[in-house]
Amino acid sequence: MTSNDDQKSVLYTDVCLLLFLALIGIMAILMALTGHVLLNTIFLFCTLAVLLITYFFGIIASLITNLGFIALQTIIVIYQYLDGTQTIPWGLTYWMILPLLLSVTLYFMTKNQVKLQKINGALRANIIEQGAFDDETKLRTTVAYMEDAAVFIETNKRFKLPVTTIIVKIRYFNDLKRMMGPEQLRNLLKLTSNVIKQATRDNDITYLLNNEDPTWAILLFTDTDGAQIAANRIKQVFDKQLNNSSLASLAIAMVVGVATLP
């Protein structure tokens, strides 16, 4: 949905809300002017019930309930006419129209709000997908890697702390992809991500740089030897967990590379 569509949806919701409030105000004025406190009170609670049905069950159930409400009022009028003890309260006929108008206005208002909520949910998911975190693995993405790498490099310049990047990939992934099903691919992605997080220190930051050809990166404050130790530990944990998983029958191997800032 475009920005103009979003603006129209918000405007549409605001208009429906104003109409709903205006109808509520008209109903309050008519209740005060017509008297008949008992009948007005009964019809008010019936109207609230109709609105609740509209909100939770939709327009069809609302229209059916409104027809039932109109039938109830008609029965009351006929009874009073046949009884002959009271005059027909013609001033209360607004109850046959206002609840229906309120129901229709409430339906379109809430329908548009639900639509906007779905749009917002899709936008949030899109932000997660294209932003700083991967939605499935909860790892930082390339966007965060570029930002954090700049911080690590600046720290290296100021405090002379060694900074190393470990790159992790799955060997021959494109060939494996043709032999594996979608569920196996997801399991491999999750297993590798979990292994990297488990095998690294709390202050080492893990990233998923690429989903299509899975590529992980780890930023560490350590030298080449320390990074190589971490890389070997990752491979050992990966091989161990792979052998205990449903992917053990596949020839899966991890490729690890280390790069240290001079």
C-alpha atoms as a PDB file:
ATOM      1  CA  MET A   1       0.000   0.000   0.000  1.00  0.00           C
ATOM      2  CA  THR A   2       1.307   3.472  -0.935  1.00  0.00           C
ATOM      3  CA  SER A   3       1.624   6.489   1.329  1.00  0.00           C
ATOM      4  CA  ASN A   4      -1.445   8.096  -0.299  1.00  0.00           C
ATOM      5  CA  ASP A   5      -3.472   4.964   0.412  1.00  0.00           C
ATOM      6  CA  ASP A   6      -2.327   5.053   4.035  1.00  0.00           C
ATOM      7  CA  GLN A   7      -3.418   8.681   4.335  1.00  0.00           C
ATOM      8  CA  LYS A   8      -6.803   7.890   2.784  1.00  0.00           C
ATOM      9  CA  SER A   9      -7.291   4.983   5.194  1.00  0.00           C
ATOM     10  CA  VAL A  10      -6.496   7.167   8.203  1.00  0.00           C
ATOM     11  CA  LEU A  11      -8.818   9.914   6.900  1.00  0.00           C
ATOM     12  CA  TYR A  12     -11.557   7.340   6.281  1.00  0.00           C
ATOM     13  CA  THR A  13     -11.236   6.051   9.844  1.00  0.00           C
ATOM     14  CA  ASP A  14     -11.366   9.582  11.255  1.00  0.00           C
ATOM     15  CA  VAL A  15     -14.516  10.377   9.262  1.00  0.00           C
ATOM     16  CA  CYS A  16     -16.206   7.199  10.501  1.00  0.00           C
ATOM     17  CA  LEU A  17     -15.226   8.037  14.074  1.00  0.00           C
ATOM     18  CA  LEU A  18     -16.662  11.557  13.790  1.00  0.00           C
ATOM     19  CA  LEU A  19     -19.906  10.182  12.338  1.00  0.00           C
ATOM     20  CA  PHE A  20     -20.128   7.624  15.135  1.00  0.00           C
ATOM     21  CA  LEU A  21     -19.633  10.301  17.798  1.00  0.00           C
ATOM     22  CA  ALA A  22     -22.170  12.573  16.081  1.00  0.00           C
ATOM     23  CA  LEU A  23     -24.765   9.770  16.074  1.00  0.00           C
ATOM     24  CA  ILE A  24     -24.080   9.109  19.759  1.00  0.00           C
ATOM     25  CA  GLY A  25     -24.649  12.809  20.463  1.00  0.00           C
ATOM     26  CA  ILE A  26     -27.918  12.837  18.487  1.00  0.00           C
ATOM     27  CA  MET A  27     -29.083   9.753  20.364  1.00  0.00           C
ATOM     28  CA  ALA A  28     -28.327  11.376  23.727  1.00  0.00           C
ATOM     29  CA  ILE A  29     -30.272  14.533  22.761  1.00  0.00           C
ATOM     30  CA  LEU A  30     -33.285  12.554  21.540  1.00  0.00           C
ATOM     31  CA  MET A  31     -33.316  10.464  24.714  1.00  0.00           C
ATOM     32  CA  ALA A  32     -33.438  13.647  26.792  1.00  0.00           C
ATOM     33  CA  LEU A  33     -36.193  15.227  24.671  1.00  0.00           C
ATOM     34  CA  THR A  34     -38.541  12.267  24.298  1.00  0.00           C
ATOM     35  CA  GLY A  35     -38.889  11.198  27.927  1.00  0.00           C
ATOM     36  CA  HIS A  36     -40.051   7.567  28.333  1.00  0.00           C
ATOM     37  CA  VAL A  37     -37.176   6.816  30.670  1.00  0.00           C
ATOM     38  CA  LEU A  38     -37.907   3.093  31.004  1.00  0.00           C
ATOM     39  CA  LEU A  39     -38.207   2.383  27.273  1.00  0.00           C
ATOM     40  CA  ASN A  40     -35.231   4.600  26.431  1.00  0.00           C
ATOM     41  CA  THR A  41     -33.109   2.724  28.970  1.00  0.00           C
ATOM     42  CA  ILE A  42     -34.171  -0.678  27.620  1.00  0.00           C
ATOM     43  CA  PHE A  43     -33.535   0.389  24.024  1.00  0.00           C
ATOM     44  CA  LEU A  44     -30.154   1.884  24.998  1.00  0.00           C
ATOM     45  CA  PHE A  45     -28.947  -1.414  26.427  1.00  0.00           C
ATOM     46  CA  CYS A  46     -30.297  -3.225  23.366  1.00  0.00           C
ATOM     47  CA  THR A  47     -28.335  -0.819  21.159  1.00  0.00           C
ATOM     48  CA  LEU A  48     -25.145  -1.457  23.141  1.00  0.00           C
ATOM     49  CA  ALA A  49     -25.688  -5.197  22.656  1.00  0.00           C
ATOM     50  CA  VAL A  50     -26.136  -4.655  18.910  1.00  0.00           C
ATOM     51  CA  LEU A  51     -22.888  -2.645  18.744  1.00  0.00           C
ATOM     52  CA  LEU A  52     -20.985  -5.361  20.602  1.00  0.00           C
ATOM     53  CA  ILE A  53     -22.294  -7.947  18.152  1.00  0.00           C
ATOM     54  CA  THR A  54     -21.229  -5.688  15.275  1.00  0.00           C
ATOM     55  CA  TYR A  55     -17.728  -5.314  16.689  1.00  0.00           C
ATOM     56  CA  PHE A  56     -17.114  -9.000  17.376  1.00  0.00           C
ATOM     57  CA  PHE A  57     -19.150 -10.797  14.688  1.00  0.00           C
ATOM     58  CA  GLY A  58     -19.318  -8.424  11.700  1.00  0.00           C
ATOM     59  CA  ILE A  59     -21.935  -6.723   9.582  1.00  0.00           C
ATOM     60  CA  ILE A  60     -24.134  -9.730   8.726  1.00  0.00           C
ATOM     61  CA  ALA A  61     -24.749 -10.645  12.361  1.00  0.00           C
ATOM     62  CA  SER A  62     -25.277  -6.942  13.058  1.00  0.00           C
ATOM     63  CA  LEU A  63     -27.963  -6.552  10.398  1.00  0.00           C
ATOM     64  CA  ILE A  64     -29.780  -9.650  11.639  1.00  0.00           C
ATOM     65  CA  THR A  65     -29.661  -8.347  15.204  1.00  0.00           C
ATOM     66  CA  ASN A  66     -30.900  -4.940  14.076  1.00  0.00           C
ATOM     67  CA  LEU A  67     -33.861  -6.593  12.342  1.00  0.00           C
ATOM     68  CA  GLY A  68     -34.610  -8.421  15.578  1.00  0.00           C
ATOM     69  CA  PHE A  69     -34.382  -5.151  17.519  1.00  0.00           C
ATOM     70  CA  ILE A  70     -36.793  -3.438  15.086  1.00  0.00           C
ATOM     71  CA  ALA A  71     -39.164  -6.406  15.415  1.00  0.00           C
ATOM     72  CA  LEU A  72     -39.016  -6.084  19.208  1.00  0.00           C
ATOM     73  CA  GLN A  73     -39.923  -2.393  19.034  1.00  0.00           C
ATOM     74  CA  THR A  74     -42.772  -3.150  16.620  1.00  0.00           C
ATOM     75  CA  ILE A  75     -44.155  -5.764  18.998  1.00  0.00           C
ATOM     76  CA  ILE A  76     -44.016  -3.267  21.878  1.00  0.00           C
ATOM     77  CA  VAL A  77     -45.852  -0.632  19.811  1.00  0.00           C
ATOM     78  CA  ILE A  78     -48.531  -3.122  18.699  1.00  0.00           C
ATOM     79  CA  TYR A  79     -48.989  -4.300  22.280  1.00  0.00           C
ATOM     80  CA  GLN A  80     -49.459  -0.744  23.540  1.00  0.00           C
ATOM     81  CA  TYR A  81     -51.889  -0.026  20.691  1.00  0.00           C
ATOM     82  CA  LEU A  82     -53.975  -3.128  21.377  1.00  0.00           C
ATOM     83  CA  ASP A  83     -53.828  -2.670  25.130  1.00  0.00           C
ATOM     84  CA  GLY A  84     -55.224   0.846  24.769  1.00  0.00           C
ATOM     85  CA  THR A  85     -53.851   1.973  28.117  1.00  0.00           C
ATOM     86  CA  GLN A  86     -51.036   4.071  26.632  1.00  0.00           C
ATOM     87  CA  THR A  87     -50.559   6.163  23.559  1.00  0.00           C
ATOM     88  CA  ILE A  88     -48.125   4.941  20.940  1.00  0.00           C
ATOM     89  CA  PRO A  89     -44.696   6.530  21.672  1.00  0.00           C
ATOM     90  CA  TRP A  90     -44.028   7.863  18.166  1.00  0.00           C
ATOM     91  CA  GLY A  91     -41.139   9.908  19.539  1.00  0.00           C
ATOM     92  CA  LEU A  92     -39.173   6.705  20.095  1.00  0.00           C
ATOM     93  CA  THR A  93     -39.165   5.673  16.437  1.00  0.00           C
ATOM     94  CA  TYR A  94     -35.599   7.002  16.150  1.00  0.00           C
ATOM     95  CA  TRP A  95     -34.540   3.750  17.849  1.00  0.00           C
ATOM     96  CA  MET A  96     -35.439   1.963  14.612  1.00  0.00           C
ATOM     97  CA  ILE A  97     -32.923   4.009  12.625  1.00  0.00           C
ATOM     98  CA  LEU A  98     -30.085   5.109  14.915  1.00  0.00           C
ATOM     99  CA  PRO A  99     -28.873   1.641  16.024  1.00  0.00           C
ATOM    100  CA  LEU A 100     -28.610   0.601  12.374  1.00  0.00           C
ATOM    101  CA  LEU A 101     -26.660   3.742  11.463  1.00  0.00           C
ATOM    102  CA  LEU A 102     -24.407   3.283  14.495  1.00  0.00           C
ATOM    103  CA  SER A 103     -23.775  -0.343  13.587  1.00  0.00           C
ATOM    104  CA  VAL A 104     -22.858   0.441   9.979  1.00  0.00           C
ATOM    105  CA  THR A 105     -20.566   3.300  11.034  1.00  0.00           C
ATOM    106  CA  LEU A 106     -18.877   1.167  13.699  1.00  0.00           C
ATOM    107  CA  TYR A 107     -18.385  -1.684  11.250  1.00  0.00           C
ATOM    108  CA  PHE A 108     -16.637   0.437   8.623  1.00  0.00           C
ATOM    109  CA  MET A 109     -14.564   2.186  11.282  1.00  0.00           C
ATOM    110  CA  THR A 110     -13.335  -1.065  12.864  1.00  0.00           C
ATOM    111  CA  LYS A 111     -12.890  -2.745   9.478  1.00  0.00           C
ATOM    112  CA  ASN A 112     -10.518  -0.004   8.395  1.00  0.00           C
ATOM    113  CA  GLN A 113      -8.672  -0.142  11.732  1.00  0.00           C
ATOM    114  CA  VAL A 114      -8.082  -3.877  11.284  1.00  0.00           C
ATOM    115  CA  LYS A 115      -6.820  -3.180   7.776  1.00  0.00           C
ATOM    116  CA  LEU A 116      -4.409  -0.561   9.111  1.00  0.00           C
ATOM    117  CA  GLN A 117      -3.206  -2.980  11.815  1.00  0.00           C
ATOM    118  CA  LYS A 118      -2.428  -5.598   9.166  1.00  0.00           C
ATOM    119  CA  ILE A 119      -0.539  -3.007   7.130  1.00  0.00           C
ATOM    120  CA  ASN A 120       1.451  -1.960  10.193  1.00  0.00           C
ATOM    121  CA  GLY A 121       2.248  -5.589  10.953  1.00  0.00           C
ATOM    122  CA  ALA A 122       3.510  -6.110   7.406  1.00  0.00           C
ATOM    123  CA  LEU A 123       5.615  -2.959   7.649  1.00  0.00           C
ATOM    124  CA  ARG A 124       7.160  -4.099  10.933  1.00  0.00           C
ATOM    125  CA  ALA A 125       7.992  -7.471   9.404  1.00  0.00           C
ATOM    126  CA  ASN A 126       9.525  -5.711   6.401  1.00  0.00           C
ATOM    127  CA  ILE A 127      11.617  -3.491   8.666  1.00  0.00           C
ATOM    128  CA  ILE A 128      12.904  -6.555  10.515  1.00  0.00           C
ATOM    129  CA  GLU A 129      13.687  -8.327   7.252  1.00  0.00           C
ATOM    130  CA  GLN A 130      15.506  -5.409   5.664  1.00  0.00           C
ATOM    131  CA  GLY A 131      16.782  -3.799   8.818  1.00  0.00           C
ATOM    132  CA  ALA A 132      19.209  -4.675  11.538  1.00  0.00           C
ATOM    133  CA  PHE A 133      17.864  -8.107  12.580  1.00  0.00           C
ATOM    134  CA  ASP A 134      16.979 -11.312  10.780  1.00  0.00           C
ATOM    135  CA  ASP A 135      13.446 -12.352  11.671  1.00  0.00           C
ATOM    136  CA  GLU A 136      14.056 -16.104  11.727  1.00  0.00           C
ATOM    137  CA  THR A 137      17.444 -16.434  13.433  1.00  0.00           C
ATOM    138  CA  LYS A 138      17.260 -13.162  15.433  1.00  0.00           C
ATOM    139  CA  LEU A 139      20.828 -12.413  14.359  1.00  0.00           C
ATOM    140  CA  ARG A 140      22.085  -9.024  13.241  1.00  0.00           C
ATOM    141  CA  THR A 141      22.223  -8.495   9.487  1.00  0.00           C
ATOM    142  CA  THR A 142      24.585  -6.747   7.066  1.00  0.00           C
ATOM    143  CA  VAL A 143      23.152  -3.355   8.015  1.00  0.00           C
ATOM    144  CA  ALA A 144      24.145  -3.847  11.650  1.00  0.00           C
ATOM    145  CA  TYR A 145      27.466  -5.435  10.640  1.00  0.00           C
ATOM    146  CA  MET A 146      28.526  -2.337   8.703  1.00  0.00           C
ATOM    147  CA  GLU A 147      27.578  -0.050  11.585  1.00  0.00           C
ATOM    148  CA  ASP A 148      29.235  -2.201  14.253  1.00  0.00           C
ATOM    149  CA  ALA A 149      32.358  -2.760  12.163  1.00  0.00           C
ATOM    150  CA  ALA A 150      32.873   1.001  12.060  1.00  0.00           C
ATOM    151  CA  VAL A 151      32.716   1.077  15.876  1.00  0.00           C
ATOM    152  CA  PHE A 152      35.182  -1.827  16.173  1.00  0.00           C
ATOM    153  CA  ILE A 153      37.587  -0.175  13.740  1.00  0.00           C
ATOM    154  CA  GLU A 154      37.427   3.124  15.630  1.00  0.00           C
ATOM    155  CA  THR A 155      38.065   1.275  18.898  1.00  0.00           C
ATOM    156  CA  ASN A 156      41.050  -0.426  17.259  1.00  0.00           C
ATOM    157  CA  LYS A 157      42.496   2.941  16.247  1.00  0.00           C
ATOM    158  CA  ARG A 158      41.976   4.585  19.637  1.00  0.00           C
ATOM    159  CA  PHE A 159      42.885   1.819  22.060  1.00  0.00           C
ATOM    160  CA  LYS A 160      45.013  -0.457  19.853  1.00  0.00           C
ATOM    161  CA  LEU A 161      42.736  -3.422  20.537  1.00  0.00           C
ATOM    162  CA  PRO A 162      43.050  -6.175  17.930  1.00  0.00           C
ATOM    163  CA  VAL A 163      39.888  -6.630  15.874  1.00  0.00           C
ATOM    164  CA  THR A 164      39.146  -9.783  13.914  1.00  0.00           C
ATOM    165  CA  THR A 165      36.313 -10.950  11.695  1.00  0.00           C
ATOM    166  CA  ILE A 166      35.441 -14.612  11.335  1.00  0.00           C
ATOM    167  CA  ILE A 167      33.469 -15.557   8.220  1.00  0.00           C
ATOM    168  CA  VAL A 168      31.499 -18.809   8.291  1.00  0.00           C
ATOM    169  CA  LYS A 169      29.912 -20.548   5.311  1.00  0.00           C
ATOM    170  CA  ILE A 170      28.572 -23.986   4.426  1.00  0.00           C
ATOM    171  CA  ARG A 171      30.783 -25.790   1.903  1.00  0.00           C
ATOM    172  CA  TYR A 172      29.065 -26.528  -1.453  1.00  0.00           C
ATOM    173  CA  PHE A 173      25.821 -25.025  -0.197  1.00  0.00           C
ATOM    174  CA  ASN A 174      24.342 -24.543  -3.676  1.00  0.00           C
ATOM    175  CA  ASP A 175      24.783 -28.259  -4.382  1.00  0.00           C
ATOM    176  CA  LEU A 176      23.325 -29.200  -0.989  1.00  0.00           C
ATOM    177  CA  LYS A 177      20.380 -26.890  -1.581  1.00  0.00           C
ATOM    178  CA  ARG A 178      19.257 -28.967  -4.547  1.00  0.00           C
ATOM    179  CA  MET A 179      19.236 -32.116  -2.423  1.00  0.00           C
ATOM    180  CA  MET A 180      17.583 -30.689   0.694  1.00  0.00           C
ATOM    181  CA  GLY A 181      13.977 -29.814   1.380  1.00  0.00           C
ATOM    182  CA  PRO A 182      12.804 -26.432   2.751  1.00  0.00           C
ATOM    183  CA  GLU A 183      12.511 -27.818   6.298  1.00  0.00           C
ATOM    184  CA  GLN A 184      16.048 -29.233   6.187  1.00  0.00           C
ATOM    185  CA  LEU A 185      17.388 -25.895   4.940  1.00  0.00           C
ATOM    186  CA  ARG A 186      15.687 -24.077   7.816  1.00  0.00           C
ATOM    187  CA  ASN A 187      17.081 -26.605  10.286  1.00  0.00           C
ATOM    188  CA  LEU A 188      20.583 -26.153   8.890  1.00  0.00           C
ATOM    189  CA  LEU A 189      20.303 -22.377   9.110  1.00  0.00           C
ATOM    190  CA  LYS A 190      19.067 -22.517  12.721  1.00  0.00           C
ATOM    191  CA  LEU A 191      21.592 -25.157  13.767  1.00  0.00           C
ATOM    192  CA  THR A 192      24.535 -23.193  12.387  1.00  0.00           C
ATOM    193  CA  SER A 193      23.318 -19.927  13.910  1.00  0.00           C
ATOM    194  CA  ASN A 194      22.824 -21.562  17.321  1.00  0.00           C
ATOM    195  CA  VAL A 195      26.241 -23.230  17.172  1.00  0.00           C
ATOM    196  CA  ILE A 196      27.995 -19.954  16.413  1.00  0.00           C
ATOM    197  CA  LYS A 197      26.205 -18.201  19.268  1.00  0.00           C
ATOM    198  CA  GLN A 198      26.981 -21.028  21.698  1.00  0.00           C
ATOM    199  CA  ALA A 199      30.637 -21.376  20.708  1.00  0.00           C
ATOM    200  CA  THR A 200      31.513 -17.678  20.950  1.00  0.00           C
ATOM    201  CA  ARG A 201      31.902 -15.374  23.918  1.00  0.00           C
ATOM    202  CA  ASP A 202      29.169 -13.026  25.111  1.00  0.00           C
ATOM    203  CA  ASN A 203      31.061  -9.983  23.830  1.00  0.00           C
ATOM    204  CA  ASP A 204      31.577 -11.517  20.366  1.00  0.00           C
ATOM    205  CA  ILE A 205      28.823 -10.319  18.011  1.00  0.00           C
ATOM    206  CA  THR A 206      27.360 -12.687  15.416  1.00  0.00           C
ATOM    207  CA  TYR A 207      25.751 -11.609  12.136  1.00  0.00           C
ATOM    208  CA  LEU A 208      23.879 -13.322   9.319  1.00  0.00           C
ATOM    209  CA  LEU A 209      25.103 -11.509   6.221  1.00  0.00           C
ATOM    210  CA  ASN A 210      23.296 -13.528   3.555  1.00  0.00           C
ATOM    211  CA  ASN A 211      20.214 -15.752   3.639  1.00  0.00           C
ATOM    212  CA  GLU A 212      20.369 -17.075   0.064  1.00  0.00           C
ATOM    213  CA  ASP A 213      23.958 -18.326   0.306  1.00  0.00           C
ATOM    214  CA  PRO A 214      24.163 -18.454   4.127  1.00  0.00           C
ATOM    215  CA  THR A 215      27.109 -16.416   5.328  1.00  0.00           C
ATOM    216  CA  TRP A 216      27.779 -15.611   8.959  1.00  0.00           C
ATOM    217  CA  ALA A 217      30.242 -13.114  10.378  1.00  0.00           C
ATOM    218  CA  ILE A 218      31.582 -12.643  13.890  1.00  0.00           C
ATOM    219  CA  LEU A 219      33.301  -9.513  15.168  1.00  0.00           C
ATOM    220  CA  LEU A 220      35.818 -10.144  17.954  1.00  0.00           C
ATOM    221  CA  PHE A 221      38.292  -8.136  20.001  1.00  0.00           C
ATOM    222  CA  THR A 222      41.158 -10.603  19.580  1.00  0.00           C
ATOM    223  CA  ASP A 223      44.196 -11.322  17.411  1.00  0.00           C
ATOM    224  CA  THR A 224      44.537 -13.902  14.649  1.00  0.00           C
ATOM    225  CA  ASP A 225      45.563 -16.720  16.989  1.00  0.00           C
ATOM    226  CA  GLY A 226      42.622 -16.077  19.322  1.00  0.00           C
ATOM    227  CA  ALA A 227      40.232 -15.914  16.385  1.00  0.00           C
ATOM    228  CA  GLN A 228      41.619 -19.183  15.011  1.00  0.00           C
ATOM    229  CA  ILE A 229      40.957 -20.860  18.346  1.00  0.00           C
ATOM    230  CA  ALA A 230      37.374 -19.563  18.260  1.00  0.00           C
ATOM    231  CA  ALA A 231      36.985 -20.734  14.651  1.00  0.00           C
ATOM    232  CA  ASN A 232      38.193 -24.240  15.517  1.00  0.00           C
ATOM    233  CA  ARG A 233      35.830 -24.356  18.484  1.00  0.00           C
ATOM    234  CA  ILE A 234      32.899 -23.370  16.239  1.00  0.00           C
ATOM    235  CA  LYS A 235      33.748 -26.148  13.766  1.00  0.00           C
ATOM    236  CA  GLN A 236      34.051 -28.739  16.529  1.00  0.00           C
ATOM    237  CA  VAL A 237      30.713 -27.814  18.101  1.00  0.00           C
ATOM    238  CA  PHE A 238      29.090 -27.726  14.656  1.00  0.00           C
ATOM    239  CA  ASP A 239      30.351 -31.214  13.741  1.00  0.00           C
ATOM    240  CA  LYS A 240      29.203 -32.600  17.085  1.00  0.00           C
ATOM    241  CA  GLN A 241      25.696 -31.144  16.882  1.00  0.00           C
ATOM    242  CA  LEU A 242      25.374 -32.019  13.199  1.00  0.00           C
ATOM    243  CA  ASN A 243      26.038 -35.686  13.964  1.00  0.00           C
ATOM    244  CA  ASN A 244      23.240 -35.624  16.556  1.00  0.00           C
ATOM    245  CA  SER A 245      20.717 -33.980  14.235  1.00  0.00           C
ATOM    246  CA  SER A 246      18.426 -35.080  11.418  1.00  0.00           C
ATOM    247  CA  LEU A 247      21.015 -33.726   8.950  1.00  0.00           C
ATOM    248  CA  ALA A 248      23.706 -36.243   9.943  1.00  0.00           C
ATOM    249  CA  SER A 249      23.225 -38.298   6.759  1.00  0.00           C
ATOM    250  CA  LEU A 250      24.204 -35.356   4.546  1.00  0.00           C
ATOM    251  CA  ALA A 251      27.807 -34.446   3.691  1.00  0.00           C
ATOM    252  CA  ILE A 252      27.714 -31.017   5.308  1.00  0.00           C
ATOM    253  CA  ALA A 253      30.926 -29.214   6.172  1.00  0.00           C
ATOM    254  CA  MET A 254      31.671 -25.755   7.525  1.00  0.00           C
ATOM    255  CA  VAL A 255      34.185 -23.355   5.978  1.00  0.00           C
ATOM    256  CA  VAL A 256      35.687 -20.750   8.299  1.00  0.00           C
ATOM    257  CA  GLY A 257      37.899 -17.806   7.375  1.00  0.00           C
ATOM    258  CA  VAL A 258      39.682 -15.314   9.639  1.00  0.00           C
ATOM    259  CA  ALA A 259      40.674 -11.722   8.845  1.00  0.00           C
ATOM    260  CA  THR A 260      42.437  -9.414  11.324  1.00  0.00           C
ATOM    261  CA  LEU A 261      42.902  -5.648  11.110  1.00  0.00           C
ATOM    262  CA  PRO A 262      46.557  -4.698  10.765  1.00  0.00           C
END
